[in-house]
């Protein structure tokens, strides 16, 4: 475990994942185990409302993001992100949604998907513990769980002209409900904005205190999340390695 973390530039210090300067792995990147989520749980690290976006790195919810080549959820991400055909039909149902103001467009898409899609967990819907779907499939059936909501918003926004590299599907630990969850985070100006199926209100990442990020995905890469050395973190709790409780 320590060898894998070291190859990815992560050190386990005082029962927390800390981000350092990542060394160049010898012989290529190591496959990232789901155990890289070990820092996520307990009480969230402090985050201020003025948290600013860092171009190219989703340092959301007070975390620091470290780019990796693969994650345990790689198949789900690749499968769902490839399911973007046929979105013209759905984006046509949003007349005038693309405005000159990014935040207004984000608000309309967030509310539209939240209203149109009914939450149904994967096991009830398909008998599988976890199965991600692209926007076309989710909107066609009108139901899905949290990552399906997030992917639908991501792909609709892409069809509306948002750059893939400014949007991140973020797997988080919900510290209040003690379960894993997924949200869409969009970099708009110098802020990270959170689009969540749990609410129609769009908040800045720094305003959200009860989510701790685990993995992030976008058109430009994948990341794991940790916290800077100066942050005092509580004892470690393991996030669900199967992510079966994703909402």
C-alpha atoms as a PDB file:
ATOM      1  CA  UNK A   1       0.000   0.000   0.000  1.00  0.00           C
ATOM      2  CA  UNK A   2       2.703   2.503   0.991  1.00  0.00           C
ATOM      3  CA  UNK A   3       4.630   1.712  -2.208  1.00  0.00           C
ATOM      4  CA  UNK A   4       1.562   2.468  -4.352  1.00  0.00           C
ATOM      5  CA  UNK A   5       0.957   5.720  -2.519  1.00  0.00           C
ATOM      6  CA  UNK A   6       4.608   6.723  -2.831  1.00  0.00           C
ATOM      7  CA  UNK A   7       4.589   6.082  -6.588  1.00  0.00           C
ATOM      8  CA  UNK A   8       1.595   8.396  -6.912  1.00  0.00           C
ATOM      9  CA  UNK A   9       3.220  11.114  -4.812  1.00  0.00           C
ATOM     10  CA  UNK A  10       1.109  10.531  -1.702  1.00  0.00           C
ATOM     11  CA  UNK A  11       2.381  10.012   1.819  1.00  0.00           C
ATOM     12  CA  UNK A  12       0.449   8.620   4.777  1.00  0.00           C
ATOM     13  CA  UNK A  13       1.217  10.903   7.696  1.00  0.00           C
ATOM     14  CA  UNK A  14      -0.571  10.847  11.048  1.00  0.00           C
ATOM     15  CA  UNK A  15      -3.373   8.664   9.684  1.00  0.00           C
ATOM     16  CA  UNK A  16      -4.189  11.017   6.805  1.00  0.00           C
ATOM     17  CA  UNK A  17      -3.380  11.215   3.128  1.00  0.00           C
ATOM     18  CA  UNK A  18      -1.083  14.183   2.500  1.00  0.00           C
ATOM     19  CA  UNK A  19      -0.207  15.570  -0.911  1.00  0.00           C
ATOM     20  CA  UNK A  20       3.470  16.137  -1.650  1.00  0.00           C
ATOM     21  CA  UNK A  21       5.444  16.756  -4.821  1.00  0.00           C
ATOM     22  CA  UNK A  22       4.730  13.686  -6.934  1.00  0.00           C
ATOM     23  CA  UNK A  23       7.807  11.813  -8.120  1.00  0.00           C
ATOM     24  CA  UNK A  24       7.942  10.395 -11.622  1.00  0.00           C
ATOM     25  CA  UNK A  25       6.998   6.720 -11.281  1.00  0.00           C
ATOM     26  CA  UNK A  26       9.590   4.265 -12.496  1.00  0.00           C
ATOM     27  CA  UNK A  27       8.216   1.943 -15.138  1.00  0.00           C
ATOM     28  CA  UNK A  28       4.934   3.816 -15.558  1.00  0.00           C
ATOM     29  CA  UNK A  29       2.023   4.723 -13.290  1.00  0.00           C
ATOM     30  CA  UNK A  30       0.843   2.192 -10.752  1.00  0.00           C
ATOM     31  CA  UNK A  31      -2.774   1.049 -10.812  1.00  0.00           C
ATOM     32  CA  UNK A  32      -4.584   2.976  -8.096  1.00  0.00           C
ATOM     33  CA  UNK A  33      -6.309   0.845  -5.490  1.00  0.00           C
ATOM     34  CA  UNK A  34      -9.657   1.830  -4.040  1.00  0.00           C
ATOM     35  CA  UNK A  35      -7.840   2.008  -0.727  1.00  0.00           C
ATOM     36  CA  UNK A  36      -6.534   5.412  -1.854  1.00  0.00           C
ATOM     37  CA  UNK A  37      -9.803   6.704  -0.431  1.00  0.00           C
ATOM     38  CA  UNK A  38      -8.558   6.109   3.131  1.00  0.00           C
ATOM     39  CA  UNK A  39      -8.456   9.757   4.122  1.00  0.00           C
ATOM     40  CA  UNK A  40     -12.134  10.305   3.531  1.00  0.00           C
ATOM     41  CA  UNK A  41     -14.566  10.189   6.418  1.00  0.00           C
ATOM     42  CA  UNK A  42     -14.990  11.769   9.833  1.00  0.00           C
ATOM     43  CA  UNK A  43     -15.257  15.569   9.988  1.00  0.00           C
ATOM     44  CA  UNK A  44     -14.531  17.670   6.924  1.00  0.00           C
ATOM     45  CA  UNK A  45     -11.433  19.834   6.785  1.00  0.00           C
ATOM     46  CA  UNK A  46     -12.113  23.548   7.076  1.00  0.00           C
ATOM     47  CA  UNK A  47     -12.914  25.334   3.830  1.00  0.00           C
ATOM     48  CA  UNK A  48     -13.616  29.008   3.312  1.00  0.00           C
ATOM     49  CA  UNK A  49     -16.310  30.498   1.078  1.00  0.00           C
ATOM     50  CA  UNK A  50     -13.654  32.235  -1.052  1.00  0.00           C
ATOM     51  CA  UNK A  51     -12.024  29.024  -2.291  1.00  0.00           C
ATOM     52  CA  UNK A  52     -10.581  29.757  -5.740  1.00  0.00           C
ATOM     53  CA  UNK A  53     -10.307  27.448  -8.718  1.00  0.00           C
ATOM     54  CA  UNK A  54      -6.867  26.146  -9.644  1.00  0.00           C
ATOM     55  CA  UNK A  55      -6.693  25.707 -13.438  1.00  0.00           C
ATOM     56  CA  UNK A  56      -6.115  22.078 -14.381  1.00  0.00           C
ATOM     57  CA  UNK A  57      -6.575  20.698 -10.859  1.00  0.00           C
ATOM     58  CA  UNK A  58      -9.951  20.211  -9.119  1.00  0.00           C
ATOM     59  CA  UNK A  59      -8.844  21.349  -5.651  1.00  0.00           C
ATOM     60  CA  UNK A  60     -12.423  21.226  -4.403  1.00  0.00           C
ATOM     61  CA  UNK A  61     -13.944  21.136  -0.921  1.00  0.00           C
ATOM     62  CA  UNK A  62     -10.697  22.284   0.670  1.00  0.00           C
ATOM     63  CA  UNK A  63      -8.649  19.431  -0.821  1.00  0.00           C
ATOM     64  CA  UNK A  64      -5.602  19.162  -3.035  1.00  0.00           C
ATOM     65  CA  UNK A  65      -5.984  16.992  -6.137  1.00  0.00           C
ATOM     66  CA  UNK A  66      -3.260  14.681  -7.429  1.00  0.00           C
ATOM     67  CA  UNK A  67      -3.474  13.487 -11.027  1.00  0.00           C
ATOM     68  CA  UNK A  68      -3.392   9.706 -11.520  1.00  0.00           C
ATOM     69  CA  UNK A  69      -3.669   7.478 -14.564  1.00  0.00           C
ATOM     70  CA  UNK A  70      -6.415   5.121 -13.375  1.00  0.00           C
ATOM     71  CA  UNK A  71      -8.904   4.612 -10.554  1.00  0.00           C
ATOM     72  CA  UNK A  72     -10.972   1.631  -9.370  1.00  0.00           C
ATOM     73  CA  UNK A  73     -13.995   3.191 -11.107  1.00  0.00           C
ATOM     74  CA  UNK A  74     -12.249   3.504 -14.486  1.00  0.00           C
ATOM     75  CA  UNK A  75     -14.562   1.154 -16.380  1.00  0.00           C
ATOM     76  CA  UNK A  76     -17.685   2.947 -15.163  1.00  0.00           C
ATOM     77  CA  UNK A  77     -16.284   6.357 -16.154  1.00  0.00           C
ATOM     78  CA  UNK A  78     -15.137   5.259 -19.620  1.00  0.00           C
ATOM     79  CA  UNK A  79     -18.388   3.448 -20.346  1.00  0.00           C
ATOM     80  CA  UNK A  80     -20.659   6.287 -19.255  1.00  0.00           C
ATOM     81  CA  UNK A  81     -18.594   9.109 -20.754  1.00  0.00           C
ATOM     82  CA  UNK A  82     -18.738   7.352 -24.140  1.00  0.00           C
ATOM     83  CA  UNK A  83     -22.558   7.426 -24.062  1.00  0.00           C
ATOM     84  CA  UNK A  84     -23.014  10.967 -25.317  1.00  0.00           C
ATOM     85  CA  UNK A  85     -24.618  10.318 -28.712  1.00  0.00           C
ATOM     86  CA  UNK A  86     -28.138  11.616 -29.287  1.00  0.00           C
ATOM     87  CA  UNK A  87     -27.887  14.588 -26.947  1.00  0.00           C
ATOM     88  CA  UNK A  88     -29.094  17.000 -29.628  1.00  0.00           C
ATOM     89  CA  UNK A  89     -32.651  15.840 -28.937  1.00  0.00           C
ATOM     90  CA  UNK A  90     -32.387  16.635 -25.245  1.00  0.00           C
ATOM     91  CA  UNK A  91     -30.504  19.911 -25.587  1.00  0.00           C
ATOM     92  CA  UNK A  92     -33.224  21.007 -28.025  1.00  0.00           C
ATOM     93  CA  UNK A  93     -35.695  20.641 -25.135  1.00  0.00           C
ATOM     94  CA  UNK A  94     -33.854  23.451 -23.378  1.00  0.00           C
ATOM     95  CA  UNK A  95     -34.681  26.488 -25.562  1.00  0.00           C
ATOM     96  CA  UNK A  96     -32.755  29.550 -24.530  1.00  0.00           C
ATOM     97  CA  UNK A  97     -30.911  27.693 -21.788  1.00  0.00           C
ATOM     98  CA  UNK A  98     -27.512  28.804 -23.082  1.00  0.00           C
ATOM     99  CA  UNK A  99     -27.319  32.380 -21.911  1.00  0.00           C
ATOM    100  CA  UNK A 100     -24.473  34.857 -21.833  1.00  0.00           C
ATOM    101  CA  UNK A 101     -24.080  34.173 -18.118  1.00  0.00           C
ATOM    102  CA  UNK A 102     -22.429  30.880 -17.175  1.00  0.00           C
ATOM    103  CA  UNK A 103     -23.961  30.719 -13.741  1.00  0.00           C
ATOM    104  CA  UNK A 104     -27.488  31.242 -15.075  1.00  0.00           C
ATOM    105  CA  UNK A 105     -26.983  28.473 -17.632  1.00  0.00           C
ATOM    106  CA  UNK A 106     -25.653  26.153 -14.936  1.00  0.00           C
ATOM    107  CA  UNK A 107     -28.647  26.931 -12.743  1.00  0.00           C
ATOM    108  CA  UNK A 108     -31.115  26.119 -15.525  1.00  0.00           C
ATOM    109  CA  UNK A 109     -29.441  22.818 -16.423  1.00  0.00           C
ATOM    110  CA  UNK A 110     -29.118  21.811 -12.769  1.00  0.00           C
ATOM    111  CA  UNK A 111     -32.810  22.433 -12.099  1.00  0.00           C
ATOM    112  CA  UNK A 112     -33.938  20.861 -15.387  1.00  0.00           C
ATOM    113  CA  UNK A 113     -32.109  17.573 -14.751  1.00  0.00           C
ATOM    114  CA  UNK A 114     -33.118  17.480 -11.076  1.00  0.00           C
ATOM    115  CA  UNK A 115     -36.774  17.938 -12.083  1.00  0.00           C
ATOM    116  CA  UNK A 116     -36.743  15.524 -15.020  1.00  0.00           C
ATOM    117  CA  UNK A 117     -34.842  12.585 -13.454  1.00  0.00           C
ATOM    118  CA  UNK A 118     -36.220  10.587 -10.541  1.00  0.00           C
ATOM    119  CA  UNK A 119     -33.705   9.221  -8.064  1.00  0.00           C
ATOM    120  CA  UNK A 120     -33.562   5.406  -8.135  1.00  0.00           C
ATOM    121  CA  UNK A 121     -30.523   3.548  -6.834  1.00  0.00           C
ATOM    122  CA  UNK A 122     -28.723   1.123  -9.141  1.00  0.00           C
ATOM    123  CA  UNK A 123     -29.658  -2.033  -7.256  1.00  0.00           C
ATOM    124  CA  UNK A 124     -33.381  -1.272  -7.400  1.00  0.00           C
ATOM    125  CA  UNK A 125     -33.150  -0.275 -11.061  1.00  0.00           C
ATOM    126  CA  UNK A 126     -30.854  -2.930 -12.516  1.00  0.00           C
ATOM    127  CA  UNK A 127     -29.955  -5.373  -9.755  1.00  0.00           C
ATOM    128  CA  UNK A 128     -26.327  -4.186  -9.904  1.00  0.00           C
ATOM    129  CA  UNK A 129     -24.514  -2.555  -7.021  1.00  0.00           C
ATOM    130  CA  UNK A 130     -23.166   0.255  -9.197  1.00  0.00           C
ATOM    131  CA  UNK A 131     -23.711   1.066 -12.858  1.00  0.00           C
ATOM    132  CA  UNK A 132     -23.096   4.519 -14.315  1.00  0.00           C
ATOM    133  CA  UNK A 133     -25.120   5.792 -17.281  1.00  0.00           C
ATOM    134  CA  UNK A 134     -24.568   8.566 -19.802  1.00  0.00           C
ATOM    135  CA  UNK A 135     -26.995  11.446 -20.276  1.00  0.00           C
ATOM    136  CA  UNK A 136     -28.955   9.939 -23.174  1.00  0.00           C
ATOM    137  CA  UNK A 137     -29.722   6.715 -21.294  1.00  0.00           C
ATOM    138  CA  UNK A 138     -30.554   8.483 -18.025  1.00  0.00           C
ATOM    139  CA  UNK A 139     -32.855  11.042 -19.671  1.00  0.00           C
ATOM    140  CA  UNK A 140     -34.559   8.384 -21.808  1.00  0.00           C
ATOM    141  CA  UNK A 141     -35.555   6.274 -18.806  1.00  0.00           C
ATOM    142  CA  UNK A 142     -36.106   9.283 -16.514  1.00  0.00           C
ATOM    143  CA  UNK A 143     -34.345   7.786 -13.515  1.00  0.00           C
ATOM    144  CA  UNK A 144     -30.893   7.269 -12.081  1.00  0.00           C
ATOM    145  CA  UNK A 145     -28.740   7.726  -9.022  1.00  0.00           C
ATOM    146  CA  UNK A 146     -26.298  10.476  -8.086  1.00  0.00           C
ATOM    147  CA  UNK A 147     -23.564   9.800 -10.641  1.00  0.00           C
ATOM    148  CA  UNK A 148     -26.199   9.518 -13.383  1.00  0.00           C
ATOM    149  CA  UNK A 149     -27.517  12.979 -12.468  1.00  0.00           C
ATOM    150  CA  UNK A 150     -23.969  14.389 -12.502  1.00  0.00           C
ATOM    151  CA  UNK A 151     -23.069  12.778 -15.836  1.00  0.00           C
ATOM    152  CA  UNK A 152     -26.313  13.959 -17.434  1.00  0.00           C
ATOM    153  CA  UNK A 153     -25.545  17.538 -16.409  1.00  0.00           C
ATOM    154  CA  UNK A 154     -21.926  17.236 -17.561  1.00  0.00           C
ATOM    155  CA  UNK A 155     -22.824  15.927 -21.006  1.00  0.00           C
ATOM    156  CA  UNK A 156     -25.701  18.369 -21.523  1.00  0.00           C
ATOM    157  CA  UNK A 157     -23.425  21.279 -20.629  1.00  0.00           C
ATOM    158  CA  UNK A 158     -20.804  19.923 -23.026  1.00  0.00           C
ATOM    159  CA  UNK A 159     -23.440  19.856 -25.798  1.00  0.00           C
ATOM    160  CA  UNK A 160     -24.285  23.461 -24.889  1.00  0.00           C
ATOM    161  CA  UNK A 161     -20.691  24.543 -25.400  1.00  0.00           C
ATOM    162  CA  UNK A 162     -19.044  24.199 -21.997  1.00  0.00           C
ATOM    163  CA  UNK A 163     -15.456  22.943 -22.234  1.00  0.00           C
ATOM    164  CA  UNK A 164     -14.950  19.366 -21.040  1.00  0.00           C
ATOM    165  CA  UNK A 165     -11.858  20.408 -19.112  1.00  0.00           C
ATOM    166  CA  UNK A 166     -13.833  22.823 -16.917  1.00  0.00           C
ATOM    167  CA  UNK A 167     -16.207  20.129 -15.641  1.00  0.00           C
ATOM    168  CA  UNK A 168     -15.471  17.403 -13.099  1.00  0.00           C
ATOM    169  CA  UNK A 169     -17.463  14.414 -11.921  1.00  0.00           C
ATOM    170  CA  UNK A 170     -16.460  14.233  -8.252  1.00  0.00           C
ATOM    171  CA  UNK A 171     -16.990  11.198  -6.034  1.00  0.00           C
ATOM    172  CA  UNK A 172     -17.297  12.389  -2.445  1.00  0.00           C
ATOM    173  CA  UNK A 173     -17.919  11.083   1.023  1.00  0.00           C
ATOM    174  CA  UNK A 174     -21.054  12.666   2.486  1.00  0.00           C
ATOM    175  CA  UNK A 175     -20.020  13.160   6.092  1.00  0.00           C
ATOM    176  CA  UNK A 176     -23.554  13.851   7.329  1.00  0.00           C
ATOM    177  CA  UNK A 177     -25.214  10.804   5.792  1.00  0.00           C
ATOM    178  CA  UNK A 178     -22.059   8.678   6.075  1.00  0.00           C
ATOM    179  CA  UNK A 179     -22.352   7.426   2.512  1.00  0.00           C
ATOM    180  CA  UNK A 180     -20.654   7.942  -0.832  1.00  0.00           C
ATOM    181  CA  UNK A 181     -22.114  10.418  -3.289  1.00  0.00           C
ATOM    182  CA  UNK A 182     -21.350  12.068  -6.655  1.00  0.00           C
ATOM    183  CA  UNK A 183     -21.698  15.666  -7.821  1.00  0.00           C
ATOM    184  CA  UNK A 184     -20.758  17.740 -10.845  1.00  0.00           C
ATOM    185  CA  UNK A 185     -18.274  20.559 -10.207  1.00  0.00           C
ATOM    186  CA  UNK A 186     -17.880  23.252 -12.870  1.00  0.00           C
ATOM    187  CA  UNK A 187     -15.025  25.735 -13.016  1.00  0.00           C
ATOM    188  CA  UNK A 188     -16.612  29.107 -13.788  1.00  0.00           C
ATOM    189  CA  UNK A 189     -14.343  32.124 -13.681  1.00  0.00           C
ATOM    190  CA  UNK A 190     -12.212  31.699 -10.598  1.00  0.00           C
ATOM    191  CA  UNK A 191     -14.696  29.542  -8.684  1.00  0.00           C
ATOM    192  CA  UNK A 192     -15.681  25.881  -8.494  1.00  0.00           C
ATOM    193  CA  UNK A 193     -19.490  25.592  -8.560  1.00  0.00           C
ATOM    194  CA  UNK A 194     -21.266  22.475  -7.275  1.00  0.00           C
ATOM    195  CA  UNK A 195     -24.288  21.017  -9.114  1.00  0.00           C
ATOM    196  CA  UNK A 196     -25.923  18.464  -6.841  1.00  0.00           C
ATOM    197  CA  UNK A 197     -29.029  16.317  -7.247  1.00  0.00           C
ATOM    198  CA  UNK A 198     -29.724  16.866  -3.537  1.00  0.00           C
ATOM    199  CA  UNK A 199     -30.521  20.551  -4.076  1.00  0.00           C
ATOM    200  CA  UNK A 200     -31.412  23.040  -6.809  1.00  0.00           C
ATOM    201  CA  UNK A 201     -29.163  25.630  -5.191  1.00  0.00           C
ATOM    202  CA  UNK A 202     -25.700  25.967  -6.724  1.00  0.00           C
ATOM    203  CA  UNK A 203     -23.005  26.605  -4.135  1.00  0.00           C
ATOM    204  CA  UNK A 204     -19.339  27.381  -4.395  1.00  0.00           C
ATOM    205  CA  UNK A 205     -17.108  24.484  -3.398  1.00  0.00           C
ATOM    206  CA  UNK A 206     -15.691  26.391  -0.438  1.00  0.00           C
ATOM    207  CA  UNK A 207     -19.187  26.809   1.013  1.00  0.00           C
ATOM    208  CA  UNK A 208     -19.793  23.053   1.210  1.00  0.00           C
ATOM    209  CA  UNK A 209     -18.488  21.690   4.503  1.00  0.00           C
ATOM    210  CA  UNK A 210     -19.944  18.164   4.599  1.00  0.00           C
ATOM    211  CA  UNK A 211     -18.379  16.611   1.462  1.00  0.00           C
ATOM    212  CA  UNK A 212     -14.890  15.155   1.332  1.00  0.00           C
ATOM    213  CA  UNK A 213     -13.727  14.361  -2.235  1.00  0.00           C
ATOM    214  CA  UNK A 214     -12.265  10.965  -3.134  1.00  0.00           C
ATOM    215  CA  UNK A 215     -11.903  10.772  -6.935  1.00  0.00           C
ATOM    216  CA  UNK A 216     -12.508  13.278  -9.758  1.00  0.00           C
ATOM    217  CA  UNK A 217     -12.946  12.708 -13.498  1.00  0.00           C
ATOM    218  CA  UNK A 218     -12.972  15.034 -16.494  1.00  0.00           C
ATOM    219  CA  UNK A 219     -12.097  15.057 -20.173  1.00  0.00           C
ATOM    220  CA  UNK A 220      -8.519  15.898 -19.254  1.00  0.00           C
ATOM    221  CA  UNK A 221      -7.742  13.362 -16.538  1.00  0.00           C
ATOM    222  CA  UNK A 222      -8.416  11.685 -13.223  1.00  0.00           C
ATOM    223  CA  UNK A 223      -7.433  12.734  -9.717  1.00  0.00           C
ATOM    224  CA  UNK A 224      -7.379  11.497  -6.144  1.00  0.00           C
ATOM    225  CA  UNK A 225      -7.819  13.974  -3.301  1.00  0.00           C
ATOM    226  CA  UNK A 226      -5.937  14.640  -0.101  1.00  0.00           C
ATOM    227  CA  UNK A 227      -5.086  17.512   2.203  1.00  0.00           C
ATOM    228  CA  UNK A 228      -2.030  19.699   2.636  1.00  0.00           C
ATOM    229  CA  UNK A 229       0.395  18.883   5.430  1.00  0.00           C
ATOM    230  CA  UNK A 230      -0.589  21.909   7.452  1.00  0.00           C
ATOM    231  CA  UNK A 231      -4.196  20.762   7.797  1.00  0.00           C
ATOM    232  CA  UNK A 232      -5.036  18.973  11.033  1.00  0.00           C
ATOM    233  CA  UNK A 233      -7.200  15.977  10.159  1.00  0.00           C
ATOM    234  CA  UNK A 234      -9.266  13.662  12.365  1.00  0.00           C
ATOM    235  CA  UNK A 235      -8.643   9.888  12.610  1.00  0.00           C
ATOM    236  CA  UNK A 236      -9.067   7.956   9.372  1.00  0.00           C
ATOM    237  CA  UNK A 237     -12.253   6.176   8.386  1.00  0.00           C
ATOM    238  CA  UNK A 238     -12.412   4.098   5.225  1.00  0.00           C
ATOM    239  CA  UNK A 239     -14.844   5.127   2.543  1.00  0.00           C
ATOM    240  CA  UNK A 240     -16.827   2.288   1.006  1.00  0.00           C
ATOM    241  CA  UNK A 241     -14.433   0.405  -1.245  1.00  0.00           C
ATOM    242  CA  UNK A 242     -17.265  -0.959  -3.366  1.00  0.00           C
ATOM    243  CA  UNK A 243     -18.964   2.467  -3.622  1.00  0.00           C
ATOM    244  CA  UNK A 244     -22.205   0.514  -3.525  1.00  0.00           C
ATOM    245  CA  UNK A 245     -23.910   3.252  -1.553  1.00  0.00           C
ATOM    246  CA  UNK A 246     -23.416   5.962  -4.209  1.00  0.00           C
ATOM    247  CA  UNK A 247     -26.575   8.034  -4.384  1.00  0.00           C
END
